[in-house]
Protein backbone atom coordinates (compact mmCIF):
# COMPACT_ATOMS: atom_id res chain seq x y z
CA MET A 1 6.66 -8.41 27.30
CA THR A 2 9.73 -6.29 27.73
CA ASP A 3 10.39 -2.95 27.34
CA ILE A 4 12.10 -2.37 23.89
CA VAL A 5 10.79 0.18 21.86
CA ILE A 6 10.09 -0.29 18.30
CA GLY A 7 13.22 1.68 16.39
CA PRO A 8 16.08 0.67 13.89
CA GLU A 9 16.67 -2.60 13.04
CA THR A 10 14.01 -3.84 15.92
CA THR A 11 12.18 -7.17 14.40
CA VAL A 12 8.24 -6.44 15.29
CA THR A 13 6.01 -9.02 14.57
CA LEU A 14 1.74 -7.26 14.92
CA HIS A 15 -1.28 -7.54 13.46
CA PHE A 16 -2.55 -4.57 11.75
CA GLU A 17 -5.18 -3.12 9.46
CA ILE A 18 -5.64 -0.44 6.63
CA ARG A 19 -8.78 1.88 6.25
CA LEU A 20 -9.29 4.35 4.02
CA GLU A 21 -10.76 7.88 5.94
CA ASN A 22 -14.14 6.85 4.62
CA GLY A 23 -13.99 3.62 6.61
CA GLU A 24 -13.25 0.86 4.15
CA VAL A 25 -10.96 -1.35 5.27
CA VAL A 26 -7.65 -2.23 2.20
CA ASP A 27 -5.52 -4.67 4.29
CA SER A 28 -6.18 -6.48 7.52
CA ASN A 29 -4.62 -9.59 9.08
CA PHE A 30 -6.37 -9.36 12.52
CA GLU A 31 -8.01 -12.53 11.33
CA ARG A 32 -4.75 -14.03 10.45
CA ALA A 33 -1.42 -14.89 11.45
CA PRO A 34 0.70 -11.91 12.26
CA ALA A 35 3.49 -10.04 10.03
CA THR A 36 6.75 -9.99 11.71
CA PHE A 37 9.31 -7.88 9.90
CA THR A 38 12.55 -6.01 11.03
CA VAL A 39 12.93 -1.51 10.33
CA GLY A 40 14.61 -1.08 7.36
CA ASP A 41 14.25 -4.38 5.74
CA GLY A 42 12.25 -2.90 2.62
CA ASN A 43 9.13 -4.59 3.30
CA MET A 44 7.23 -2.31 4.96
CA LEU A 45 6.94 1.57 3.87
CA ALA A 46 9.60 4.01 5.82
CA GLY A 47 6.64 6.16 7.20
CA PHE A 48 5.17 2.93 7.98
CA GLU A 49 8.00 2.24 10.58
CA ALA A 50 8.58 5.48 11.61
CA ALA A 51 4.90 6.17 12.33
CA MET A 52 5.27 3.59 14.74
CA PHE A 53 8.52 4.39 16.51
CA GLY A 54 8.49 4.52 20.03
CA LEU A 55 5.56 1.63 20.51
CA LYS A 56 6.34 -1.77 22.68
CA ALA A 57 4.86 -5.10 22.93
CA GLY A 58 1.08 -4.97 23.91
CA ASP A 59 0.63 -1.43 22.44
CA ARG A 60 -2.89 -1.04 20.31
CA THR A 61 -3.00 2.35 18.47
CA ILE A 62 -4.25 4.03 15.13
CA LEU A 63 -1.77 6.31 13.19
CA GLU A 64 -2.78 8.31 10.60
CA ILE A 65 -0.42 7.99 7.58
CA THR A 66 -0.41 11.01 5.14
CA PRO A 67 0.36 10.33 1.13
CA GLU A 68 3.57 11.79 1.77
CA HIS A 69 4.75 8.67 4.42
CA GLY A 70 2.58 6.31 2.72
CA PHE A 71 1.91 5.52 -0.83
CA GLY A 72 2.93 8.98 -2.36
CA MET A 73 1.06 11.84 -4.02
CA PRO A 74 -0.63 10.61 -7.51
CA ASN A 75 2.05 11.23 -10.82
CA PRO A 76 -0.21 12.70 -13.95
CA SER A 77 2.96 11.46 -15.90
CA ASN A 78 1.71 7.78 -14.06
CA ILE A 79 -1.51 8.12 -16.80
CA GLN A 80 -0.85 6.84 -20.36
CA LYS A 81 -2.41 6.55 -23.31
CA VAL A 82 -2.25 3.20 -25.01
CA GLY A 83 -3.69 2.60 -28.32
CA ARG A 84 -6.68 0.23 -28.25
CA GLU A 85 -4.88 -2.70 -30.32
CA SER A 86 -2.50 -3.59 -27.26
CA PHE A 87 -5.91 -4.37 -25.39
CA SER A 88 -7.89 -6.36 -28.70
CA GLY A 89 -9.75 -9.70 -27.61
CA MET A 90 -10.43 -7.76 -23.98
CA GLU A 91 -13.75 -6.86 -22.24
CA LEU A 92 -12.24 -3.55 -21.04
CA GLU A 93 -14.70 -1.47 -17.91
CA GLU A 94 -13.07 1.70 -16.30
CA GLY A 95 -11.47 0.12 -12.96
CA LEU A 96 -10.26 -2.62 -14.23
CA VAL A 97 -7.18 -3.96 -13.31
CA ILE A 98 -4.33 -5.00 -15.54
CA ALA A 99 -1.04 -6.77 -15.17
CA PHE A 100 1.70 -5.30 -17.66
CA GLN A 101 4.95 -5.90 -18.24
CA ASP A 102 7.75 -3.62 -17.90
CA ALA A 103 11.89 -3.76 -17.45
CA SER A 104 11.58 -4.69 -14.09
CA GLY A 105 8.86 -7.21 -13.87
CA GLU A 106 4.65 -7.12 -13.16
CA LEU A 107 3.64 -3.31 -13.08
CA PRO A 108 -0.22 -3.39 -12.83
CA GLY A 109 -2.67 -0.92 -13.93
CA VAL A 110 -5.96 0.47 -13.75
CA ILE A 111 -8.30 1.59 -16.69
CA ARG A 112 -9.57 5.02 -16.21
CA ALA A 113 -11.06 5.69 -19.48
CA PHE A 114 -11.04 4.32 -22.83
CA ASP A 115 -12.43 4.80 -26.31
CA ASP A 116 -12.26 2.90 -30.03
CA VAL A 117 -8.59 4.27 -30.24
CA ASN A 118 -6.88 4.95 -26.80
CA VAL A 119 -6.95 3.01 -23.28
CA GLU A 120 -6.44 5.46 -20.90
CA VAL A 121 -4.14 3.65 -17.62
CA ASP A 122 -3.20 4.84 -14.52
CA PHE A 123 -0.06 3.57 -12.92
CA ASN A 124 -0.25 5.01 -9.51
CA HIS A 125 -0.16 2.93 -6.36
CA PRO A 126 -4.12 2.82 -6.12
CA LEU A 127 -3.69 4.30 -2.23
CA ALA A 128 -1.56 7.25 -3.84
CA GLY A 129 -2.68 10.54 -2.47
CA LYS A 130 -4.83 9.05 0.42
CA VAL A 131 -4.79 9.30 3.88
CA LEU A 132 -4.76 5.96 5.57
CA ALA A 133 -5.63 4.58 9.12
CA PHE A 134 -3.04 2.15 10.37
CA GLU A 135 -4.33 0.49 13.03
CA VAL A 136 -1.33 -1.88 14.87
CA GLU A 137 -1.12 -4.50 18.00
CA ILE A 138 2.22 -4.83 18.81
CA LEU A 139 2.85 -8.35 19.63
CA SER A 140 6.50 -8.43 20.16
CA VAL A 141 9.99 -6.25 19.44
CA GLN A 142 13.32 -7.66 19.85
């Protein structure tokens, strides 16, 4: 192991687990192959990267990621009403995630409510507004 610490442009290999405040695991790779990324390459949220600055190979810790440094706060303008006719033939239920097409590709939306006329769809990231526990085990830093 070296004493190189995580900082700009370092390449990091790690195991991680992301949990909600209630302990629910959102994502984990501890039982799978580790992830490798280069700080600043866009593969990891900047807030997650910055929280790891100063860590080195062999470190294992839990970092608290606030919404401002994670997936942001929910934006009310990202909740849209869509005509029910756009969902013909679909069985709708609250919490259902549907992929919509937009100019940049696929955009997931969560069904919040619906009636015979409209469907309320939330296009905010599902983790927006959440404080996250980000457990990391740093395997290597280059």
